[in-house]
C-alpha atoms as a PDB file:
ATOM      1  CA  MET A   1     138.070 -70.862  96.395  1.00  0.00           C
ATOM      2  CA  LYS A   2     135.601 -69.620  99.020  1.00  0.00           C
ATOM      3  CA  LYS A   3     135.737 -66.115 100.481  1.00  0.00           C
ATOM      4  CA  THR A   4     137.176 -64.738 103.704  1.00  0.00           C
ATOM      5  CA  LEU A   5     135.051 -62.290 105.672  1.00  0.00           C
ATOM      6  CA  VAL A   6     137.293 -59.513 107.020  1.00  0.00           C
ATOM      7  CA  ILE A   7     135.620 -57.818 109.989  1.00  0.00           C
ATOM      8  CA  GLY A   8     137.107 -54.613 111.343  1.00  0.00           C
ATOM      9  CA  SER A   9     138.126 -51.023 110.793  1.00  0.00           C
ATOM     10  CA  THR A  10     139.046 -48.868 107.838  1.00  0.00           C
ATOM     11  CA  VAL A  11     140.554 -45.612 109.026  1.00  0.00           C
ATOM     12  CA  VAL A  12     142.623 -42.663 107.936  1.00  0.00           C
ATOM     13  CA  ASP A  13     146.262 -43.137 108.899  1.00  0.00           C
ATOM     14  CA  ILE A  14     147.833 -39.733 109.524  1.00  0.00           C
ATOM     15  CA  ILE A  15     151.506 -40.619 109.231  1.00  0.00           C
ATOM     16  CA  ILE A  16     153.902 -38.205 110.939  1.00  0.00           C
ATOM     17  CA  GLY A  17     157.659 -38.627 110.663  1.00  0.00           C
ATOM     18  CA  VAL A  18     159.728 -37.471 113.649  1.00  0.00           C
ATOM     19  CA  GLN A  19     163.375 -37.916 114.621  1.00  0.00           C
ATOM     20  CA  SER A  20     162.178 -39.202 117.990  1.00  0.00           C
ATOM     21  CA  LEU A  21     159.067 -38.945 120.112  1.00  0.00           C
ATOM     22  CA  PRO A  22     159.045 -35.707 122.109  1.00  0.00           C
ATOM     23  CA  LYS A  23     159.016 -35.680 125.890  1.00  0.00           C
ATOM     24  CA  THR A  24     156.461 -33.721 127.919  1.00  0.00           C
ATOM     25  CA  GLN A  25     156.758 -29.953 127.162  1.00  0.00           C
ATOM     26  CA  GLU A  26     159.366 -30.610 124.470  1.00  0.00           C
ATOM     27  CA  ASP A  27     158.968 -29.172 120.966  1.00  0.00           C
ATOM     28  CA  THR A  28     159.813 -31.059 117.788  1.00  0.00           C
ATOM     29  CA  HIS A  29     159.436 -30.719 114.039  1.00  0.00           C
ATOM     30  CA  THR A  30     158.048 -33.329 111.675  1.00  0.00           C
ATOM     31  CA  THR A  31     160.189 -34.739 108.886  1.00  0.00           C
ATOM     32  CA  TYR A  32     157.120 -35.537 106.755  1.00  0.00           C
ATOM     33  CA  HIS A  33     153.346 -35.796 107.035  1.00  0.00           C
ATOM     34  CA  LYS A  34     150.764 -37.611 104.899  1.00  0.00           C
ATOM     35  CA  MET A  35     147.371 -39.334 104.969  1.00  0.00           C
ATOM     36  CA  ASN A  36     146.774 -42.927 103.858  1.00  0.00           C
ATOM     37  CA  LEU A  37     143.959 -45.429 104.004  1.00  0.00           C
ATOM     38  CA  GLY A  38     144.611 -47.842 106.876  1.00  0.00           C
ATOM     39  CA  GLY A  39     143.070 -49.818 109.705  1.00  0.00           C
ATOM     40  CA  CYS A  40     143.826 -53.430 110.620  1.00  0.00           C
ATOM     41  CA  ALA A  41     140.952 -54.980 108.675  1.00  0.00           C
ATOM     42  CA  PHE A  42     141.567 -52.842 105.601  1.00  0.00           C
ATOM     43  CA  ASN A  43     145.279 -53.680 105.650  1.00  0.00           C
ATOM     44  CA  VAL A  44     144.491 -57.393 105.833  1.00  0.00           C
ATOM     45  CA  SER A  45     141.919 -57.121 103.057  1.00  0.00           C
ATOM     46  CA  GLU A  46     144.388 -55.282 100.814  1.00  0.00           C
ATOM     47  CA  ILE A  47     146.768 -58.237 100.900  1.00  0.00           C
ATOM     48  CA  LEU A  48     143.861 -60.558 100.049  1.00  0.00           C
ATOM     49  CA  ARG A  49     142.786 -58.299  97.176  1.00  0.00           C
ATOM     50  CA  GLN A  50     146.303 -57.892  95.818  1.00  0.00           C
ATOM     51  CA  SER A  51     146.980 -61.642  96.021  1.00  0.00           C
ATOM     52  CA  LYS A  52     143.672 -62.278  94.208  1.00  0.00           C
ATOM     53  CA  THR A  53     142.192 -64.115  97.194  1.00  0.00           C
ATOM     54  CA  PRO A  54     138.386 -63.738  97.376  1.00  0.00           C
ATOM     55  CA  TYR A  55     137.148 -61.751 100.355  1.00  0.00           C
ATOM     56  CA  VAL A  56     134.513 -59.324 101.635  1.00  0.00           C
ATOM     57  CA  LEU A  57     135.518 -56.336 103.767  1.00  0.00           C
ATOM     58  CA  CYS A  58     132.965 -55.837 106.541  1.00  0.00           C
ATOM     59  CA  SER A  59     133.905 -52.351 107.671  1.00  0.00           C
ATOM     60  CA  PRO A  60     131.513 -49.525 108.583  1.00  0.00           C
ATOM     61  CA  VAL A  61     132.209 -46.051 107.223  1.00  0.00           C
ATOM     62  CA  GLY A  62     131.089 -43.021 109.189  1.00  0.00           C
ATOM     63  CA  SER A  63     130.680 -39.354 108.384  1.00  0.00           C
ATOM     64  CA  GLY A  64     132.893 -36.284 108.694  1.00  0.00           C
ATOM     65  CA  ALA A  65     136.154 -35.433 106.952  1.00  0.00           C
ATOM     66  CA  TYR A  66     137.717 -38.790 107.739  1.00  0.00           C
ATOM     67  CA  GLY A  67     134.612 -40.703 106.649  1.00  0.00           C
ATOM     68  CA  ASP A  68     134.609 -38.783 103.373  1.00  0.00           C
ATOM     69  CA  PHE A  69     138.298 -39.630 102.855  1.00  0.00           C
ATOM     70  CA  VAL A  70     137.684 -43.339 103.476  1.00  0.00           C
ATOM     71  CA  SER A  71     134.630 -43.407 101.166  1.00  0.00           C
ATOM     72  CA  LYS A  72     136.524 -41.683  98.361  1.00  0.00           C
ATOM     73  CA  LYS A  73     139.548 -43.972  98.594  1.00  0.00           C
ATOM     74  CA  LEU A  74     137.434 -47.156  98.724  1.00  0.00           C
ATOM     75  CA  GLU A  75     135.463 -46.009  95.690  1.00  0.00           C
ATOM     76  CA  GLU A  76     138.704 -45.274  93.812  1.00  0.00           C
ATOM     77  CA  LYS A  77     139.797 -48.847  94.499  1.00  0.00           C
ATOM     78  CA  LYS A  78     136.327 -50.147  93.527  1.00  0.00           C
ATOM     79  CA  ILE A  79     135.956 -51.746  96.970  1.00  0.00           C
ATOM     80  CA  PRO A  80     132.278 -51.941  98.041  1.00  0.00           C
ATOM     81  CA  ILE A  81     131.371 -50.117 101.246  1.00  0.00           C
ATOM     82  CA  PHE A  82     129.747 -52.728 103.487  1.00  0.00           C
ATOM     83  CA  VAL A  83     127.631 -50.288 105.505  1.00  0.00           C
ATOM     84  CA  LYS A  84     127.500 -46.529 106.035  1.00  0.00           C
ATOM     85  CA  THR A  85     126.739 -45.097 109.485  1.00  0.00           C
ATOM     86  CA  PRO A  86     126.377 -41.354 108.801  1.00  0.00           C
ATOM     87  CA  GLU A  87     125.097 -40.684 112.318  1.00  0.00           C
ATOM     88  CA  ILE A  88     128.604 -41.316 113.689  1.00  0.00           C
ATOM     89  CA  GLU A  89     131.846 -39.688 112.547  1.00  0.00           C
ATOM     90  CA  ASN A  90     134.755 -41.785 111.343  1.00  0.00           C
ATOM     91  CA  GLY A  91     137.943 -41.715 113.398  1.00  0.00           C
ATOM     92  CA  CYS A  92     141.614 -41.718 112.505  1.00  0.00           C
ATOM     93  CA  CYS A  93     144.978 -43.033 113.657  1.00  0.00           C
ATOM     94  CA  TYR A  94     147.991 -40.803 114.270  1.00  0.00           C
ATOM     95  CA  CYS A  95     151.039 -42.843 113.310  1.00  0.00           C
ATOM     96  CA  PHE A  96     154.293 -41.379 114.621  1.00  0.00           C
ATOM     97  CA  VAL A  97     157.269 -42.885 112.806  1.00  0.00           C
ATOM     98  CA  GLU A  98     160.758 -42.446 114.265  1.00  0.00           C
ATOM     99  CA  GLU A  99     163.985 -42.582 112.281  1.00  0.00           C
ATOM    100  CA  SER A 100     164.406 -46.254 113.199  1.00  0.00           C
ATOM    101  CA  GLY A 101     161.139 -47.020 111.379  1.00  0.00           C
ATOM    102  CA  GLU A 102     159.360 -48.013 114.596  1.00  0.00           C
ATOM    103  CA  ARG A 103     155.856 -46.619 114.921  1.00  0.00           C
ATOM    104  CA  THR A 104     153.678 -45.384 117.783  1.00  0.00           C
ATOM    105  CA  PHE A 105     149.908 -45.168 117.338  1.00  0.00           C
ATOM    106  CA  ILE A 106     147.453 -42.754 118.925  1.00  0.00           C
ATOM    107  CA  SER A 107     143.958 -43.715 117.783  1.00  0.00           C
ATOM    108  CA  HIS A 108     140.753 -41.706 117.753  1.00  0.00           C
ATOM    109  CA  HIS A 109     138.016 -44.324 117.433  1.00  0.00           C
ATOM    110  CA  GLY A 110     134.771 -43.562 115.634  1.00  0.00           C
ATOM    111  CA  ALA A 111     132.160 -45.341 113.524  1.00  0.00           C
ATOM    112  CA  GLU A 112     134.725 -47.734 112.050  1.00  0.00           C
ATOM    113  CA  TYR A 113     135.048 -49.640 115.341  1.00  0.00           C
ATOM    114  CA  LEU A 114     131.337 -50.037 116.135  1.00  0.00           C
ATOM    115  CA  PHE A 115     129.493 -53.100 114.811  1.00  0.00           C
ATOM    116  CA  SER A 116     126.045 -54.702 114.681  1.00  0.00           C
ATOM    117  CA  LYS A 117     125.393 -58.361 113.911  1.00  0.00           C
ATOM    118  CA  GLU A 118     122.234 -57.228 112.110  1.00  0.00           C
ATOM    119  CA  TRP A 119     124.497 -56.140 109.242  1.00  0.00           C
ATOM    120  CA  MET A 120     125.592 -59.740 108.744  1.00  0.00           C
ATOM    121  CA  LYS A 121     122.147 -61.090 107.898  1.00  0.00           C
ATOM    122  CA  SER A 122     122.697 -60.390 104.206  1.00  0.00           C
ATOM    123  CA  ILE A 123     125.800 -62.591 104.120  1.00  0.00           C
ATOM    124  CA  ASN A 124     125.452 -65.949 102.404  1.00  0.00           C
ATOM    125  CA  LEU A 125     127.680 -68.050 104.623  1.00  0.00           C
ATOM    126  CA  ALA A 126     127.813 -70.809 102.008  1.00  0.00           C
ATOM    127  CA  ASP A 127     130.223 -68.533 100.108  1.00  0.00           C
ATOM    128  CA  PHE A 128     132.671 -68.279 103.021  1.00  0.00           C
ATOM    129  CA  ASP A 129     135.052 -70.609 104.826  1.00  0.00           C
ATOM    130  CA  SER A 130     136.982 -68.188 107.035  1.00  0.00           C
ATOM    131  CA  VAL A 131     136.749 -64.929 108.949  1.00  0.00           C
ATOM    132  CA  TYR A 132     139.271 -62.443 110.313  1.00  0.00           C
ATOM    133  CA  ILE A 133     138.675 -60.454 113.497  1.00  0.00           C
ATOM    134  CA  CYS A 134     140.842 -57.986 115.409  1.00  0.00           C
ATOM    135  CA  GLY A 135     141.098 -57.283 119.116  1.00  0.00           C
ATOM    136  CA  LEU A 136     140.565 -53.547 118.688  1.00  0.00           C
ATOM    137  CA  GLU A 137     136.941 -54.065 117.618  1.00  0.00           C
ATOM    138  CA  ILE A 138     136.315 -56.768 120.227  1.00  0.00           C
ATOM    139  CA  GLU A 139     137.479 -54.386 122.958  1.00  0.00           C
ATOM    140  CA  GLU A 140     134.805 -51.835 122.006  1.00  0.00           C
ATOM    141  CA  LYS A 141     131.310 -51.838 123.533  1.00  0.00           C
ATOM    142  CA  THR A 142     129.904 -53.531 120.422  1.00  0.00           C
ATOM    143  CA  GLY A 143     132.570 -56.243 120.388  1.00  0.00           C
ATOM    144  CA  ILE A 144     130.020 -58.643 121.846  1.00  0.00           C
ATOM    145  CA  GLU A 145     128.010 -58.249 118.630  1.00  0.00           C
ATOM    146  CA  ILE A 146     130.858 -59.757 116.608  1.00  0.00           C
ATOM    147  CA  VAL A 147     131.439 -62.590 119.064  1.00  0.00           C
ATOM    148  CA  SER A 148     127.717 -63.393 119.302  1.00  0.00           C
ATOM    149  CA  TRP A 149     127.457 -63.552 115.511  1.00  0.00           C
ATOM    150  CA  LEU A 150     130.385 -65.963 115.343  1.00  0.00           C
ATOM    151  CA  GLU A 151     128.823 -68.151 118.041  1.00  0.00           C
ATOM    152  CA  GLU A 152     125.429 -68.167 116.326  1.00  0.00           C
ATOM    153  CA  ASN A 153     127.088 -69.305 113.093  1.00  0.00           C
ATOM    154  CA  LYS A 154     129.420 -71.892 114.587  1.00  0.00           C
ATOM    155  CA  GLY A 155     127.733 -74.528 112.457  1.00  0.00           C
ATOM    156  CA  ALA A 156     129.093 -72.848 109.320  1.00  0.00           C
ATOM    157  CA  ASN A 157     132.553 -74.161 110.297  1.00  0.00           C
ATOM    158  CA  LEU A 158     134.271 -70.874 109.591  1.00  0.00           C
ATOM    159  CA  GLN A 159     137.987 -70.876 110.337  1.00  0.00           C
ATOM    160  CA  ILE A 160     138.518 -67.841 112.554  1.00  0.00           C
ATOM    161  CA  TYR A 161     141.762 -65.868 112.389  1.00  0.00           C
ATOM    162  CA  PHE A 162     142.102 -63.661 115.453  1.00  0.00           C
ATOM    163  CA  ALA A 163     144.713 -60.906 115.749  1.00  0.00           C
ATOM    164  CA  PRO A 164     144.225 -59.655 119.335  1.00  0.00           C
ATOM    165  CA  GLY A 165     146.894 -56.971 119.046  1.00  0.00           C
ATOM    166  CA  PRO A 166     148.486 -54.931 121.833  1.00  0.00           C
ATOM    167  CA  ARG A 167     145.156 -54.323 123.580  1.00  0.00           C
ATOM    168  CA  LEU A 168     144.734 -57.995 124.409  1.00  0.00           C
ATOM    169  CA  THR A 169     144.507 -57.491 128.158  1.00  0.00           C
ATOM    170  CA  LYS A 170     141.885 -54.760 127.679  1.00  0.00           C
ATOM    171  CA  ILE A 171     139.356 -57.253 126.292  1.00  0.00           C
ATOM    172  CA  ASP A 172     136.869 -58.547 128.838  1.00  0.00           C
ATOM    173  CA  SER A 173     138.163 -61.935 130.002  1.00  0.00           C
ATOM    174  CA  SER A 174     134.787 -63.655 129.606  1.00  0.00           C
ATOM    175  CA  LEU A 175     134.482 -62.371 126.040  1.00  0.00           C
ATOM    176  CA  LEU A 176     138.019 -63.489 125.279  1.00  0.00           C
ATOM    177  CA  ALA A 177     137.190 -66.961 126.634  1.00  0.00           C
ATOM    178  CA  ARG A 178     134.208 -67.136 124.278  1.00  0.00           C
ATOM    179  CA  ILE A 179     136.465 -66.339 121.312  1.00  0.00           C
ATOM    180  CA  PHE A 180     139.013 -68.942 122.393  1.00  0.00           C
ATOM    181  CA  ALA A 181     136.197 -71.510 122.642  1.00  0.00           C
ATOM    182  CA  LEU A 182     135.677 -71.015 118.880  1.00  0.00           C
ATOM    183  CA  ASN A 183     139.206 -72.416 118.268  1.00  0.00           C
ATOM    184  CA  PRO A 184     140.680 -69.474 116.352  1.00  0.00           C
ATOM    185  CA  ILE A 185     144.126 -69.365 114.801  1.00  0.00           C
ATOM    186  CA  ILE A 186     145.867 -66.718 116.910  1.00  0.00           C
ATOM    187  CA  HIS A 187     148.283 -64.258 115.309  1.00  0.00           C
ATOM    188  CA  LEU A 188     150.274 -61.815 117.458  1.00  0.00           C
ATOM    189  CA  ASN A 189     153.770 -60.461 117.919  1.00  0.00           C
ATOM    190  CA  GLU A 190     156.464 -61.549 120.339  1.00  0.00           C
ATOM    191  CA  LEU A 191     155.825 -58.829 122.920  1.00  0.00           C
ATOM    192  CA  GLU A 192     152.062 -59.443 122.869  1.00  0.00           C
ATOM    193  CA  GLY A 193     152.601 -63.178 123.272  1.00  0.00           C
ATOM    194  CA  GLU A 194     154.933 -62.638 126.215  1.00  0.00           C
ATOM    195  CA  PHE A 195     152.584 -60.129 127.817  1.00  0.00           C
ATOM    196  CA  PHE A 196     149.573 -62.432 127.561  1.00  0.00           C
ATOM    197  CA  SER A 197     151.276 -65.694 128.522  1.00  0.00           C
ATOM    198  CA  LYS A 198     153.667 -64.201 131.122  1.00  0.00           C
ATOM    199  CA  LYS A 199     156.375 -66.315 129.441  1.00  0.00           C
ATOM    200  CA  LYS A 200     159.467 -64.781 127.844  1.00  0.00           C
ATOM    201  CA  ASP A 201     160.341 -67.920 125.894  1.00  0.00           C
ATOM    202  CA  VAL A 202     158.477 -67.778 122.582  1.00  0.00           C
ATOM    203  CA  LYS A 203     157.992 -71.550 122.447  1.00  0.00           C
ATOM    204  CA  LYS A 204     156.455 -71.623 125.919  1.00  0.00           C
ATOM    205  CA  ALA A 205     154.291 -68.616 125.052  1.00  0.00           C
ATOM    206  CA  ALA A 206     153.004 -70.313 121.897  1.00  0.00           C
ATOM    207  CA  LYS A 207     152.206 -73.517 123.759  1.00  0.00           C
ATOM    208  CA  TYR A 208     150.430 -71.581 126.507  1.00  0.00           C
ATOM    209  CA  ILE A 209     148.211 -69.825 123.953  1.00  0.00           C
ATOM    210  CA  PHE A 210     147.583 -73.078 122.075  1.00  0.00           C
ATOM    211  CA  ASP A 211     146.256 -74.591 125.303  1.00  0.00           C
ATOM    212  CA  GLN A 212     143.615 -71.835 125.355  1.00  0.00           C
ATOM    213  CA  THR A 213     142.470 -72.266 121.748  1.00  0.00           C
ATOM    214  CA  ASN A 214     143.506 -75.748 120.614  1.00  0.00           C
ATOM    215  CA  ASN A 215     144.578 -74.313 117.278  1.00  0.00           C
ATOM    216  CA  THR A 216     147.687 -73.005 115.527  1.00  0.00           C
ATOM    217  CA  VAL A 217     149.491 -70.030 117.048  1.00  0.00           C
ATOM    218  CA  ILE A 218     151.600 -67.657 114.931  1.00  0.00           C
ATOM    219  CA  ILE A 219     154.000 -65.289 116.701  1.00  0.00           C
ATOM    220  CA  THR A 220     155.861 -62.731 114.597  1.00  0.00           C
ATOM    221  CA  LEU A 221     159.470 -61.990 115.545  1.00  0.00           C
ATOM    222  CA  GLY A 222     160.300 -58.884 113.522  1.00  0.00           C
ATOM    223  CA  GLU A 223     163.407 -59.259 111.364  1.00  0.00           C
ATOM    224  CA  LYS A 224     163.843 -62.824 112.696  1.00  0.00           C
ATOM    225  CA  GLY A 225     160.666 -63.975 110.911  1.00  0.00           C
ATOM    226  CA  CYS A 226     157.952 -65.780 112.834  1.00  0.00           C
ATOM    227  CA  ALA A 227     157.318 -68.827 114.992  1.00  0.00           C
ATOM    228  CA  TYR A 228     154.432 -71.241 114.897  1.00  0.00           C
ATOM    229  CA  PHE A 229     153.086 -74.033 117.079  1.00  0.00           C
ATOM    230  CA  ASP A 230     150.352 -76.350 115.813  1.00  0.00           C
ATOM    231  CA  GLY A 231     149.993 -78.609 118.827  1.00  0.00           C
ATOM    232  CA  LYS A 232     152.789 -80.943 117.734  1.00  0.00           C
ATOM    233  CA  ASN A 233     155.379 -78.958 115.869  1.00  0.00           C
ATOM    234  CA  PHE A 234     157.152 -75.761 116.899  1.00  0.00           C
ATOM    235  CA  ASP A 235     159.440 -73.977 114.470  1.00  0.00           C
ATOM    236  CA  ILE A 236     160.910 -70.572 113.771  1.00  0.00           C
ATOM    237  CA  ILE A 237     160.641 -69.568 110.107  1.00  0.00           C
ATOM    238  CA  PRO A 238     163.261 -66.958 109.159  1.00  0.00           C
ATOM    239  CA  VAL A 239     162.770 -64.196 106.618  1.00  0.00           C
ATOM    240  CA  MET A 240     164.198 -65.273 103.270  1.00  0.00           C
ATOM    241  CA  ASN A 241     167.065 -63.150 101.877  1.00  0.00           C
ATOM    242  CA  CYS A 242     167.001 -60.890 104.918  1.00  0.00           C
ATOM    243  CA  ASP A 243     170.630 -59.808 104.660  1.00  0.00           C
ATOM    244  CA  GLU A 244     169.999 -56.285 103.390  1.00  0.00           C
ATOM    245  CA  LYS A 245     170.883 -53.430 105.729  1.00  0.00           C
ATOM    246  CA  ASN A 246     168.463 -50.719 106.822  1.00  0.00           C
ATOM    247  CA  TYR A 247     165.567 -51.880 104.674  1.00  0.00           C
ATOM    248  CA  VAL A 248     162.928 -50.813 107.225  1.00  0.00           C
ATOM    249  CA  VAL A 249     161.186 -47.549 106.311  1.00  0.00           C
ATOM    250  CA  ASP A 250     158.405 -47.979 108.858  1.00  0.00           C
ATOM    251  CA  THR A 251     156.625 -50.877 110.533  1.00  0.00           C
ATOM    252  CA  ILE A 252     153.059 -49.638 109.966  1.00  0.00           C
ATOM    253  CA  GLY A 253     150.894 -52.563 108.861  1.00  0.00           C
ATOM    254  CA  ALA A 254     153.644 -55.165 109.310  1.00  0.00           C
ATOM    255  CA  GLY A 255     151.507 -57.489 111.434  1.00  0.00           C
ATOM    256  CA  ASP A 256     148.368 -56.905 109.358  1.00  0.00           C
ATOM    257  CA  SER A 257     150.158 -57.737 106.120  1.00  0.00           C
ATOM    258  CA  HIS A 258     151.668 -60.821 107.732  1.00  0.00           C
ATOM    259  CA  ILE A 259     148.351 -62.333 108.781  1.00  0.00           C
ATOM    260  CA  GLY A 260     146.721 -61.253 105.510  1.00  0.00           C
ATOM    261  CA  ALA A 261     149.402 -63.101 103.562  1.00  0.00           C
ATOM    262  CA  PHE A 262     149.184 -66.105 105.898  1.00  0.00           C
ATOM    263  CA  ILE A 263     145.422 -66.332 105.278  1.00  0.00           C
ATOM    264  CA  ALA A 264     145.928 -66.020 101.506  1.00  0.00           C
ATOM    265  CA  ALA A 265     148.523 -68.808 101.567  1.00  0.00           C
ATOM    266  CA  GLN A 266     146.343 -71.069 103.726  1.00  0.00           C
ATOM    267  CA  LYS A 267     143.482 -70.569 101.271  1.00  0.00           C
ATOM    268  CA  ARG A 268     145.758 -72.084  98.644  1.00  0.00           C
ATOM    269  CA  ASN A 269     146.173 -75.150 100.876  1.00  0.00           C
ATOM    270  CA  TYR A 270     149.838 -74.428 101.541  1.00  0.00           C
ATOM    271  CA  SER A 271     151.474 -75.881 104.638  1.00  0.00           C
ATOM    272  CA  ILE A 272     151.838 -73.777 107.772  1.00  0.00           C
ATOM    273  CA  GLU A 273     155.581 -73.544 107.155  1.00  0.00           C
ATOM    274  CA  LYS A 274     155.162 -72.369 103.567  1.00  0.00           C
ATOM    275  CA  SER A 275     152.396 -69.972 104.602  1.00  0.00           C
ATOM    276  CA  CYS A 276     154.742 -68.460 107.193  1.00  0.00           C
ATOM    277  CA  LYS A 277     157.516 -68.061 104.605  1.00  0.00           C
ATOM    278  CA  ILE A 278     155.151 -66.256 102.252  1.00  0.00           C
ATOM    279  CA  ALA A 279     153.816 -64.077 105.071  1.00  0.00           C
ATOM    280  CA  ASN A 280     157.373 -63.132 106.057  1.00  0.00           C
ATOM    281  CA  THR A 281     158.130 -62.108 102.467  1.00  0.00           C
ATOM    282  CA  ILE A 282     155.048 -59.898 102.168  1.00  0.00           C
ATOM    283  CA  SER A 283     155.586 -58.310 105.579  1.00  0.00           C
ATOM    284  CA  LYS A 284     159.209 -57.592 104.686  1.00  0.00           C
ATOM    285  CA  ALA A 285     158.029 -55.790 101.548  1.00  0.00           C
ATOM    286  CA  VAL A 286     155.513 -53.721 103.540  1.00  0.00           C
ATOM    287  CA  VAL A 287     158.061 -52.442 106.057  1.00  0.00           C
ATOM    288  CA  SER A 288     160.285 -51.356 103.162  1.00  0.00           C
ATOM    289  CA  VAL A 289     157.719 -48.725 102.093  1.00  0.00           C
ATOM    290  CA  SER A 290     156.090 -45.796 103.871  1.00  0.00           C
ATOM    291  CA  GLY A 291     152.651 -46.732 105.190  1.00  0.00           C
ATOM    292  CA  ALA A 292     150.793 -50.032 105.309  1.00  0.00           C
ATOM    293  CA  SER A 293     150.059 -50.670 101.637  1.00  0.00           C
ATOM    294  CA  LEU A 294     152.010 -51.945  98.653  1.00  0.00           C
ATOM    295  CA  ASN A 295     151.381 -51.126  95.011  1.00  0.00           C
ATOM    296  CA  ASP A 296     149.220 -53.643  93.178  1.00  0.00           C
ATOM    297  CA  SER A 297     152.083 -54.212  90.753  1.00  0.00           C
ATOM    298  CA  ASP A 298     154.605 -55.125  93.447  1.00  0.00           C
ATOM    299  CA  LEU A 299     156.491 -58.240  92.366  1.00  0.00           C
ATOM    300  CA  CYS A 300     156.426 -59.726  95.859  1.00  0.00           C
ATOM    301  CA  PHE A 301     152.887 -60.971  95.184  1.00  0.00           C
ATOM    302  CA  THR A 302     154.284 -63.587  92.788  1.00  0.00           C
ATOM    303  CA  VAL A 303     155.235 -65.629  95.881  1.00  0.00           C
ATOM    304  CA  PHE A 304     151.641 -66.847  96.162  1.00  0.00           C
ATOM    305  CA  ASP A 305     151.887 -68.715  92.874  1.00  0.00           C
ATOM    306  CA  ASP A 306     155.636 -69.322  92.480  1.00  0.00           C
ATOM    307  CA  LYS A 307     155.816 -72.898  93.766  1.00  0.00           C
ATOM    308  CA  SER A 308     159.536 -73.205  93.029  1.00  0.00           C
ATOM    309  CA  LYS A 309     160.508 -70.620  95.640  1.00  0.00           C
ATOM    310  CA  TYR A 310     159.008 -72.388  98.597  1.00  0.00           C
END
């Protein structure tokens, strides 16, 4: 099995529990507070690592207290640091989690979101068949570096997985068009799909996005599972055994874990439908814990190799 190159951020998630988000000038108390390793790319790579899917995490690590935290945690997990940029401090993400489990992010971007295609010269593309990118990095001033590198290596036939995220409309339209021209598989949630396509119907939204990329579109639907459109077939794949009540602790990393699991399943040559079922299962497990990461021993990872279940 060839590797997936995961391009993007590794940050410190500062998770803050609150009963509800305060209004202007209102005071509130936290219900809990903790720091975890996070970031879209890291969250995706964790699912690949835990499912024993070969990958390389291309994520810069900066300096400062947050950079030191990231470095320490990556070393503890024996995950190689792709590049260090000590001249720039690492940022963090404040994750406010309400009692419902829904999260609100306030991000302080630092070194982890700034990229150079010069770093990629050491990569032996013969070892890779796919790459993950996130809209948060593309939106930054160095996002063009990532896109240019992908264009320059189009001949390597890398399958691109693009998670544009909620900042989709903040990406320069010409840069977005260049990404779409590379025929990525798009992965986003229902609200993002509606916002981008201007279509409330998920099927119409998926078809609209497919027309831009000419490749599969995955739209997550929360507790309802996810939808996909591959140019011919549209289907909604429900979450298996989703009859438990109040299983959501928080939704941090739900989308990241979903696309990470989808990539891992696709690497095993599973169908789109089966890949979506597996992704739903992993994402369901992630929202049932606090933060974006599962334990390596979590039994949900058996879905990647349990052919009888799917």
